[in-house]
Protein backbone atom coordinates (compact mmCIF):
# COMPACT_ATOMS: atom_id res chain seq x y z
CA MET A 1 16.90 -3.15 13.11
CA SER A 2 13.39 -2.52 11.76
CA ARG A 3 10.46 -4.72 12.64
CA MET A 4 10.05 -5.95 9.05
CA LEU A 5 13.69 -6.93 8.59
CA LEU A 6 13.81 -8.58 11.99
CA ARG A 7 10.71 -10.64 11.25
CA TYR A 8 12.07 -11.67 7.88
CA LYS A 9 15.29 -12.88 9.50
CA VAL A 10 13.39 -15.00 11.99
CA LEU A 11 10.97 -16.36 9.38
CA GLY A 12 12.99 -19.54 8.98
CA MET A 13 12.85 -20.17 12.69
CA MET A 14 9.13 -19.47 12.75
CA LEU A 15 8.47 -21.97 10.01
CA ALA A 16 10.35 -24.65 11.87
CA VAL A 17 8.56 -23.91 15.11
CA LEU A 18 5.14 -23.84 13.48
CA LEU A 19 5.67 -27.34 12.17
CA ILE A 20 6.19 -28.84 15.60
CA VAL A 21 4.08 -26.72 17.94
CA ALA A 22 1.22 -28.71 19.49
CA GLY A 23 -2.11 -27.27 20.59
CA CYS A 24 -4.95 -25.48 18.91
CA ARG A 25 -2.99 -23.75 16.11
CA LYS A 26 -3.50 -25.27 12.67
CA ASP A 27 -0.51 -26.45 10.65
CA ASP A 28 0.08 -24.94 7.20
CA ASN A 29 1.76 -28.14 6.09
CA VAL A 30 -0.93 -30.66 6.91
CA ILE A 31 -3.96 -31.18 4.69
CA VAL A 32 -6.94 -31.21 7.03
CA SER A 33 -10.04 -33.24 6.37
CA SER A 34 -12.24 -30.38 5.17
CA ASN A 35 -9.48 -28.95 2.94
CA GLN A 36 -10.84 -25.41 3.18
CA VAL A 37 -8.74 -22.29 3.01
CA LYS A 38 -9.90 -21.20 6.48
CA ASP A 39 -8.26 -24.27 8.00
CA TYR A 40 -4.77 -22.88 7.38
CA GLN A 41 -2.73 -20.10 8.91
CA ALA A 42 -1.95 -16.77 7.26
CA LEU A 43 1.83 -17.18 7.44
CA VAL A 44 2.43 -17.41 3.67
CA PRO A 45 0.78 -14.14 2.52
CA TRP A 46 2.00 -12.41 5.68
CA SER A 47 5.57 -13.45 4.81
CA TRP A 48 5.28 -12.22 1.23
CA ASN A 49 3.96 -8.87 2.43
CA GLU A 50 6.87 -8.53 4.81
CA LEU A 51 9.29 -9.16 1.96
CA PHE A 52 7.33 -6.76 -0.26
CA LEU A 53 7.91 -4.03 2.34
CA GLU A 54 11.65 -4.61 2.20
CA ILE A 55 11.70 -4.62 -1.61
CA ASP A 56 9.51 -1.51 -1.81
CA ARG A 57 12.03 0.32 0.36
CA TYR A 58 14.67 0.03 -2.36
CA ALA A 59 12.58 -0.22 -5.56
CA ASP A 60 13.21 2.89 -7.62
CA GLY A 61 10.19 4.13 -9.57
CA TYR A 62 7.61 2.35 -7.42
CA ARG A 63 6.48 5.16 -5.19
CA PRO A 64 3.80 6.29 -4.95
CA GLY A 65 1.58 4.67 -7.62
CA PRO A 66 3.12 1.39 -8.81
CA ALA A 67 3.61 0.00 -5.29
CA PRO A 68 -0.09 -0.06 -4.33
CA ARG A 69 -0.92 -1.20 -7.85
CA ALA A 70 1.32 -4.26 -7.39
CA LEU A 71 -0.28 -4.95 -4.01
CA ALA A 72 -3.73 -4.85 -5.61
CA TYR A 73 -2.86 -7.32 -8.36
CA MET A 74 -1.03 -9.67 -6.02
CA GLY A 75 -3.86 -9.56 -3.52
CA LEU A 76 -6.42 -10.20 -6.26
CA SER A 77 -4.44 -13.14 -7.67
CA ALA A 78 -3.95 -14.90 -4.34
CA TYR A 79 -7.59 -14.39 -3.40
CA GLU A 80 -8.97 -15.63 -6.75
CA ALA A 81 -6.61 -18.61 -6.78
CA CYS A 82 -8.00 -19.73 -3.41
CA GLN A 83 -11.61 -18.55 -3.72
CA PRO A 84 -12.94 -22.00 -4.80
CA GLY A 85 -11.67 -23.38 -1.49
CA MET A 86 -13.21 -20.62 0.62
CA SER A 87 -16.64 -20.69 2.20
CA GLU A 88 -19.69 -19.69 0.15
CA ASP A 89 -19.57 -16.27 1.82
CA TYR A 90 -16.65 -15.30 -0.44
CA ASN A 91 -17.33 -14.43 -4.09
CA SER A 92 -15.07 -14.23 -7.12
CA LEU A 93 -14.59 -10.79 -8.72
CA GLN A 94 -13.56 -12.17 -12.11
CA ASN A 95 -16.78 -11.24 -13.92
CA ARG A 96 -16.49 -7.60 -12.83
CA TYR A 97 -13.33 -6.99 -14.81
CA GLN A 98 -13.40 -7.13 -18.58
CA GLY A 99 -10.47 -9.04 -20.03
CA LEU A 100 -9.60 -10.90 -16.82
CA ASN A 101 -9.72 -14.53 -17.90
CA LEU A 102 -8.83 -16.85 -15.03
CA PRO A 103 -8.10 -20.57 -15.55
CA LEU A 104 -10.80 -23.05 -14.66
CA PHE A 105 -10.58 -24.64 -11.23
CA GLN A 106 -9.99 -28.39 -11.12
CA ALA A 107 -12.71 -29.41 -8.68
CA GLY A 108 -12.68 -32.68 -6.78
CA GLU A 109 -8.91 -32.66 -6.25
CA GLU A 110 -6.88 -32.08 -3.10
CA TYR A 111 -5.22 -28.67 -2.71
CA HIS A 112 -2.76 -27.31 -0.22
CA TRP A 113 -3.91 -23.71 -0.11
CA PRO A 114 -0.78 -22.13 1.41
CA THR A 115 1.16 -23.58 -1.55
CA VAL A 116 -1.39 -22.06 -3.94
CA VAL A 117 -0.73 -18.68 -2.31
CA ASN A 118 3.02 -19.20 -2.43
CA GLY A 119 2.90 -19.95 -6.16
CA SER A 120 0.80 -16.87 -6.84
CA TYR A 121 2.88 -14.38 -4.87
CA ALA A 122 6.22 -15.74 -6.09
CA TYR A 123 5.17 -15.59 -9.75
CA LEU A 124 3.99 -11.98 -9.53
CA MET A 125 6.73 -10.69 -7.24
CA LYS A 126 9.35 -11.71 -9.78
CA ARG A 127 7.49 -9.98 -12.60
CA PHE A 128 6.44 -6.80 -10.86
CA PHE A 129 10.02 -6.19 -9.67
CA PRO A 130 12.29 -7.12 -12.58
CA HIS A 131 14.71 -4.25 -11.95
CA ILE A 132 15.63 -4.76 -8.30
CA SER A 133 19.06 -5.76 -7.00
CA SER A 134 20.30 -9.32 -7.28
CA ASP A 135 20.25 -9.52 -3.49
CA LEU A 136 16.52 -8.76 -3.38
CA LYS A 137 15.82 -11.14 -6.27
CA PHE A 138 17.59 -13.82 -4.29
CA LYS A 139 15.35 -13.13 -1.30
CA ILE A 140 12.27 -13.69 -3.46
CA GLN A 141 13.62 -17.02 -4.63
CA GLU A 142 14.78 -17.93 -1.14
CA LEU A 143 11.36 -17.32 0.42
CA GLU A 144 9.55 -19.25 -2.30
CA SER A 145 11.94 -22.20 -2.00
CA ARG A 146 11.88 -22.27 1.79
CA LEU A 147 8.09 -22.37 1.91
CA ASP A 148 7.99 -25.06 -0.78
CA GLU A 149 10.60 -27.22 0.92
CA GLU A 150 8.79 -27.16 4.25
CA THR A 151 5.54 -28.10 2.49
CA LEU A 152 7.06 -31.00 0.55
CA ARG A 153 8.09 -32.63 3.81
CA ARG A 154 4.45 -32.94 4.85
CA ILE A 155 2.23 -33.43 1.79
CA PRO A 156 2.20 -35.68 -1.29
CA ARG A 157 4.24 -34.35 -4.18
CA GLU A 158 1.25 -34.63 -6.51
CA THR A 159 -0.78 -32.36 -4.24
CA TYR A 160 2.09 -29.90 -4.00
CA LEU A 161 2.50 -29.73 -7.81
CA ARG A 162 -1.24 -29.29 -8.38
CA SER A 163 -1.40 -26.53 -5.78
CA LYS A 164 1.67 -24.69 -7.00
CA ARG A 165 0.40 -24.85 -10.56
CA ARG A 166 -2.96 -23.43 -9.51
CA GLY A 167 -1.32 -20.39 -7.91
CA GLU A 168 1.01 -19.80 -10.84
CA ASP A 169 -1.70 -20.22 -13.49
CA VAL A 170 -3.97 -17.65 -11.85
CA ALA A 171 -1.03 -15.30 -11.32
CA LYS A 172 -0.09 -15.59 -14.99
CA ALA A 173 -3.63 -14.64 -16.04
CA VAL A 174 -3.66 -11.70 -13.64
CA PHE A 175 -0.29 -10.48 -14.88
CA GLU A 176 -1.46 -10.68 -18.50
CA TRP A 177 -4.48 -8.60 -17.51
CA SER A 178 -2.17 -6.13 -15.78
CA ALA A 179 -0.24 -5.76 -19.04
CA SER A 180 -3.43 -4.63 -20.81
CA ASP A 181 -3.36 -1.41 -18.74
CA PRO A 182 -0.98 0.80 -20.77
CA ILE A 183 -0.74 3.54 -18.13
CA GLY A 184 -0.13 1.43 -15.05
CA HIS A 185 1.84 -1.54 -16.33
CA ASN A 186 5.61 -0.91 -16.21
CA ALA A 187 5.08 2.77 -15.35
CA PHE A 188 7.97 2.46 -12.89
CA LEU A 189 10.32 2.55 -15.88
CA ASN A 190 9.38 6.18 -16.63
CA ALA A 191 8.26 7.84 -13.41
CA ARG A 192 9.13 11.39 -14.62
CA PRO A 193 8.16 11.52 -18.31
CA THR A 194 9.70 14.38 -20.25
CA SER A 195 6.50 14.70 -22.26
CA TYR A 196 4.74 16.35 -19.32
CA VAL A 197 5.00 20.14 -19.09
CA PRO A 198 3.22 21.62 -16.06
CA PRO A 199 0.89 24.56 -16.63
CA VAL A 200 2.09 28.02 -15.65
CA GLY A 201 0.06 30.43 -13.57
CA PRO A 202 -0.38 31.97 -10.11
CA GLY A 203 -0.19 29.34 -7.39
CA LEU A 204 0.24 26.43 -9.80
CA TRP A 205 2.77 23.69 -9.16
CA GLN A 206 6.18 23.89 -10.74
CA PRO A 207 9.29 21.77 -10.02
CA THR A 208 10.00 22.51 -6.39
CA PHE A 209 12.90 23.50 -4.12
CA PRO A 210 15.45 22.06 -3.50
CA ASP A 211 15.86 19.46 -6.28
CA TYR A 212 13.36 20.92 -8.79
CA GLY A 213 12.59 17.46 -10.16
CA ARG A 214 10.14 16.85 -12.99
CA GLY A 215 6.60 15.83 -12.09
CA MET A 216 6.21 12.21 -11.04
CA PHE A 217 3.50 10.07 -12.65
CA PRO A 218 1.53 12.92 -14.24
CA TYR A 219 -0.64 10.43 -16.18
CA TRP A 220 -1.31 8.04 -13.29
CA GLY A 221 -4.87 9.31 -12.98
CA ASN A 222 -5.68 7.25 -16.10
CA ALA A 223 -4.43 3.94 -14.70
CA ARG A 224 -6.88 1.08 -14.08
CA THR A 225 -9.10 1.14 -11.03
CA PHE A 226 -10.97 -1.71 -9.34
CA ALA A 227 -13.89 -0.11 -7.50
CA ILE A 228 -14.24 3.57 -8.41
CA THR A 229 -15.59 5.14 -11.58
CA GLN A 230 -14.28 8.09 -13.55
CA ALA A 231 -16.72 10.33 -11.70
CA ASP A 232 -15.29 9.18 -8.34
CA LYS A 233 -11.75 10.27 -9.18
CA LEU A 234 -11.98 14.03 -8.80
CA ALA A 235 -11.59 15.58 -5.36
CA ARG A 236 -13.53 18.67 -4.37
CA PRO A 237 -12.02 22.04 -5.43
CA PRO A 238 -9.28 23.52 -3.24
CA LEU A 239 -9.27 26.95 -1.59
CA PRO A 240 -8.96 29.90 -3.97
CA ILE A 241 -5.39 30.87 -4.78
CA SER A 242 -4.52 34.04 -2.90
CA GLU A 243 -1.37 35.71 -1.59
CA GLN A 244 -3.27 38.24 0.49
CA ALA A 245 -2.51 38.17 4.21
CA GLY A 246 -5.47 36.79 6.11
CA SER A 247 -6.94 34.91 3.15
CA PRO A 248 -7.84 31.24 3.81
CA LEU A 249 -4.87 29.93 1.79
CA TRP A 250 -2.47 32.43 3.38
CA ASN A 251 -3.67 31.33 6.82
CA GLU A 252 -3.02 27.68 6.00
CA ALA A 253 0.45 28.50 4.69
CA LYS A 254 1.16 30.47 7.86
CA GLN A 255 0.04 27.47 9.92
CA VAL A 256 2.68 25.32 8.24
CA TYR A 257 5.25 28.08 8.71
CA ASP A 258 4.50 28.48 12.43
CA LEU A 259 4.71 24.73 13.05
CA ASN A 260 8.17 24.60 11.48
CA THR A 261 9.66 27.90 12.60
CA PRO A 262 12.15 28.04 14.16
CA THR A 263 12.01 24.27 14.77
CA LEU A 264 9.43 21.58 15.40
CA ALA A 265 8.33 20.70 18.91
CA PHE A 266 9.26 17.12 19.81
CA GLU A 267 5.73 15.70 19.56
CA GLN A 268 5.22 17.36 16.18
CA GLN A 269 8.56 16.06 14.93
CA TRP A 270 7.71 12.55 16.14
CA ILE A 271 4.37 12.60 14.32
CA ALA A 272 5.96 14.00 11.17
CA GLU A 273 8.80 11.49 11.00
CA PHE A 274 6.75 8.52 12.21
CA TRP A 275 4.44 8.77 9.20
CA SER A 276 6.79 10.21 6.60
CA ASP A 277 7.95 7.16 4.59
CA ASP A 278 9.05 9.54 1.84
CA ALA A 279 12.67 8.66 1.20
CA LEU A 280 13.68 5.84 -1.11
CA ASN A 281 16.16 3.47 0.57
CA LEU A 282 15.06 4.67 4.04
CA THR A 283 11.61 3.09 4.44
CA PHE A 284 8.87 1.51 2.38
CA SER A 285 6.53 3.90 0.53
CA PRO A 286 3.53 5.71 2.11
CA PRO A 287 0.77 3.49 0.64
CA SER A 288 2.67 0.33 1.59
CA ARG A 289 2.57 1.56 5.18
CA PHE A 290 -0.99 0.33 5.38
CA ILE A 291 -0.10 -3.16 4.22
CA ALA A 292 2.47 -3.11 7.02
CA ILE A 293 -0.36 -2.15 9.39
CA ALA A 294 -2.60 -4.87 7.95
CA ASP A 295 0.19 -7.40 8.47
CA GLN A 296 0.40 -6.38 12.13
CA VAL A 297 -3.35 -6.86 12.53
CA ILE A 298 -3.34 -10.28 10.84
CA ASP A 299 -0.45 -11.37 13.05
CA ARG A 300 -2.09 -10.03 16.19
CA GLU A 301 -5.44 -11.66 15.42
CA ASP A 302 -3.85 -14.99 14.48
CA ALA A 303 -6.11 -14.73 11.43
CA ASP A 304 -6.85 -17.73 9.27
CA LEU A 305 -5.86 -17.78 5.61
CA SER A 306 -9.32 -16.83 4.30
CA LEU A 307 -9.51 -13.70 6.45
CA ALA A 308 -5.95 -12.74 5.55
CA LEU A 309 -6.52 -13.06 1.80
CA TYR A 310 -9.76 -11.09 2.07
CA THR A 311 -8.02 -8.35 4.08
CA PHE A 312 -5.02 -8.03 1.77
CA LEU A 313 -7.31 -7.99 -1.27
CA LYS A 314 -9.44 -5.15 0.04
CA VAL A 315 -6.54 -3.06 1.33
CA GLY A 316 -4.66 -3.51 -1.96
CA LEU A 317 -7.67 -2.50 -4.07
CA ALA A 318 -8.34 0.53 -1.85
CA LEU A 319 -4.72 1.69 -2.02
CA ASN A 320 -4.60 1.30 -5.79
CA ASP A 321 -7.80 3.26 -6.39
CA ALA A 322 -6.76 5.91 -3.86
CA GLY A 323 -3.52 6.45 -5.77
CA VAL A 324 -5.23 6.76 -9.14
CA ALA A 325 -7.91 9.15 -7.87
CA CYS A 326 -5.48 11.26 -5.89
CA TRP A 327 -3.07 11.66 -8.80
CA HIS A 328 -5.95 12.46 -11.15
CA SER A 329 -6.91 15.28 -8.76
CA LYS A 330 -3.34 16.46 -8.18
CA TYR A 331 -2.67 17.05 -11.84
CA PHE A 332 -6.18 18.42 -12.44
CA TYR A 333 -5.83 21.20 -9.85
CA ASN A 334 -2.00 21.57 -9.95
CA ILE A 335 -1.68 23.33 -6.59
CA GLU A 336 1.83 24.33 -5.52
CA ARG A 337 3.55 23.09 -2.38
CA PRO A 338 3.80 25.16 0.84
CA VAL A 339 7.54 25.67 0.37
CA SER A 340 6.95 27.45 -2.96
CA TYR A 341 4.19 29.62 -1.54
CA LEU A 342 6.04 30.48 1.68
CA ARG A 343 9.36 31.30 0.00
CA ARG A 344 7.56 33.61 -2.41
CA VAL A 345 5.06 35.23 -0.04
CA VAL A 346 6.31 34.96 3.56
CA ASP A 347 10.01 34.10 3.94
CA PRO A 348 12.39 33.64 0.96
CA ASN A 349 14.76 31.54 3.10
CA TRP A 350 12.20 29.18 4.64
CA GLU A 351 12.85 25.44 4.45
CA PRO A 352 10.49 22.63 5.52
CA HIS A 353 11.45 19.97 8.05
CA ASN A 354 11.42 17.44 5.23
CA PRO A 355 14.54 18.25 3.15
CA PHE A 356 12.95 17.08 -0.12
CA THR A 357 9.41 18.02 -1.03
CA PRO A 358 7.82 15.33 -3.25
CA SER A 359 7.89 16.14 -6.98
CA PHE A 360 4.19 16.45 -7.74
CA PRO A 361 1.36 18.88 -6.91
CA ALA A 362 0.11 19.24 -3.36
CA TYR A 363 -3.67 18.93 -3.51
CA PRO A 364 -4.96 16.58 -2.22
CA SER A 365 -2.45 14.75 -0.03
CA GLY A 366 -1.47 11.27 -1.16
CA HIS A 367 -0.70 10.24 2.41
CA ALA A 368 -4.16 11.35 3.53
CA THR A 369 -5.96 9.67 0.64
CA PHE A 370 -4.10 6.38 0.98
CA GLY A 371 -4.53 6.29 4.74
CA ALA A 372 -8.25 7.06 4.80
CA ALA A 373 -9.04 4.56 2.02
CA ALA A 374 -7.17 1.81 3.87
CA ALA A 375 -8.71 2.79 7.20
CA GLU A 376 -12.18 2.57 5.68
CA VAL A 377 -11.73 -1.03 4.55
CA LEU A 378 -9.85 -2.13 7.67
CA THR A 379 -12.65 -0.68 9.79
CA ASP A 380 -15.19 -2.59 7.73
CA ILE A 381 -13.34 -5.83 8.51
CA PHE A 382 -12.15 -5.37 12.09
CA GLY A 383 -14.50 -2.75 13.56
CA HIS A 384 -14.74 0.96 14.34
CA ASN A 385 -12.89 0.84 17.66
CA TYR A 386 -9.98 -1.43 16.81
CA ALA A 387 -7.20 -0.16 19.07
CA MET A 388 -3.60 -1.03 18.23
CA THR A 389 -0.03 0.15 18.47
CA ASP A 390 1.70 0.71 15.15
CA ARG A 391 5.22 -0.73 15.37
CA CYS A 392 6.16 -0.31 11.70
CA HIS A 393 9.41 1.48 12.53
CA ASP A 394 10.11 0.04 15.95
CA GLY A 395 13.85 0.02 16.61
CA ARG A 396 14.83 2.62 14.04
CA THR A 397 17.32 5.17 15.38
CA ASP A 398 17.86 7.24 12.22
CA PHE A 399 14.51 9.02 12.68
CA LEU A 400 11.72 9.17 15.28
CA GLY A 401 9.98 5.90 14.59
CA MET A 402 9.02 4.85 18.11
CA PRO A 403 5.65 3.03 18.23
CA ARG A 404 2.49 5.10 18.56
CA SER A 405 -0.88 3.85 19.84
CA PHE A 406 -4.31 4.56 18.39
CA GLY A 407 -7.92 3.87 19.29
CA SER A 408 -9.07 3.14 15.75
CA PHE A 409 -7.94 2.92 12.14
CA ASN A 410 -9.63 6.25 11.45
CA GLU A 411 -7.57 7.85 14.22
CA MET A 412 -4.46 6.51 12.50
CA ALA A 413 -5.60 7.93 9.18
CA GLU A 414 -6.27 11.36 10.69
CA GLU A 415 -2.83 11.58 12.30
CA ASN A 416 -1.17 10.25 9.15
CA ALA A 417 -2.85 13.05 7.16
CA TYR A 418 -1.99 15.74 9.71
CA SER A 419 1.66 14.62 9.83
CA ARG A 420 2.29 16.29 6.48
CA LEU A 421 1.80 19.76 8.00
CA PRO A 422 4.62 19.65 10.58
CA LEU A 423 6.76 17.95 7.95
CA GLY A 424 6.19 21.08 5.87
CA VAL A 425 5.01 19.53 2.62
CA HIS A 426 1.21 20.05 2.68
CA PHE A 427 -1.48 22.59 3.50
CA LEU A 428 -4.33 21.68 5.85
CA MET A 429 -6.75 21.59 2.92
CA ASP A 430 -4.61 18.89 1.28
CA ALA A 431 -4.88 16.70 4.36
CA GLN A 432 -8.57 17.30 5.02
CA GLU A 433 -9.69 16.66 1.45
CA GLY A 434 -7.43 13.63 1.16
CA VAL A 435 -9.09 12.09 4.21
CA ARG A 436 -12.60 12.86 2.94
CA HIS A 437 -11.88 11.56 -0.55
CA GLY A 438 -10.03 8.52 0.77
CA HIS A 439 -12.99 7.46 2.88
CA GLU A 440 -15.23 7.70 -0.18
CA ILE A 441 -12.84 5.50 -2.16
CA GLY A 442 -12.62 2.94 0.64
CA ALA A 443 -16.42 2.88 0.81
CA ARG A 444 -16.53 2.00 -2.90
CA VAL A 445 -14.24 -0.97 -2.22
CA ASN A 446 -16.48 -2.02 0.68
CA GLN A 447 -19.40 -2.05 -1.76
CA LEU A 448 -17.74 -4.63 -4.01
CA PRO A 449 -19.59 -7.97 -3.76
CA ILE A 450 -16.63 -9.84 -2.28
CA ARG A 451 -18.59 -11.20 0.68
CA LYS A 452 -22.27 -12.06 0.97
């Protein structure tokens, strides 16, 4: 059983234990005298992220762009709903975004901030995932109700209602703002638009072996961003297209070929499968991987609610902007995948380790861009040498998901980017430029005036 599913199953037990444990840990269901967000635990947003990871695993049309977009809006909503109760070090971002009109905060009243967060996440989760199975919809309602019921046993009903309303009102305003983005909002309903016809030419991407699916999210590069400008979207140019033996592109294709032929070495296979997250119904999507990593860090650090909301906000914004910039670059350069190049130039029968190459151009790598952007903001929060073991797929037996340990978030991002080569779906240039571009995007998020 995966770590995420296991933790979701034990969530009910955790809630019960947290209510009775004595000692230095704060209680999410007791209003403390200062009534600040930092005086509560991070259990509520952590729990919603864990459920998000399960939903994302099965949500058709959400990978790769709509998933990080939803994380960005949900992170923004929860943060803004609670920002009035955070220390003066934390600033609102409302005035940066035209058309985002948040409700006024009712000062001088008592708020239970975990309930504010619960109201915000529940409202948006239901609306960002209207098409999921009834079983997953039930889990959204179940988590919301369970958190509410535990709270109502400890705080006045009037405080609960005021807090829940605050979260829902901010979430409603954020969702209405989301709807004003015609490219991003509800894009999951048409992930492979028939209106897009890829350009034809030497080395340019075309629907790819073996499923030859239409291009996914070809217009995603025009979706809303939070920190980057139009000028920040375009990656540096790729290597010149060449089929000549010994040319830089030929050498990179041969590198992928040699890694995969005849089979992968165990370590290379472990790296490739550990980071893959490609297949719908098998795992969550690649960008969501870094919310799973953030959840592990928040849990490990026993972070307070302010730090958790700040972390999830920044990671969500970075992942969203990384997706928009990467897809803008992918469909600007339209570079074919290694399997197309290798089957045409080197070996007509060659197949990558990954049985299905993603249905969009190769350059730059989405994995690399997402990972580096998230690593940049996580490093800004938790430090350059934050060592951890990633247990995202601990316990999985259907692929090599055993935990791997790293000395920093940047080390994780580098391996995540490299993993696409032994998997057989990217050239080295895709990975390297994705990492470089991703760090730039993460740096733009770090420059937002969220904290003084």
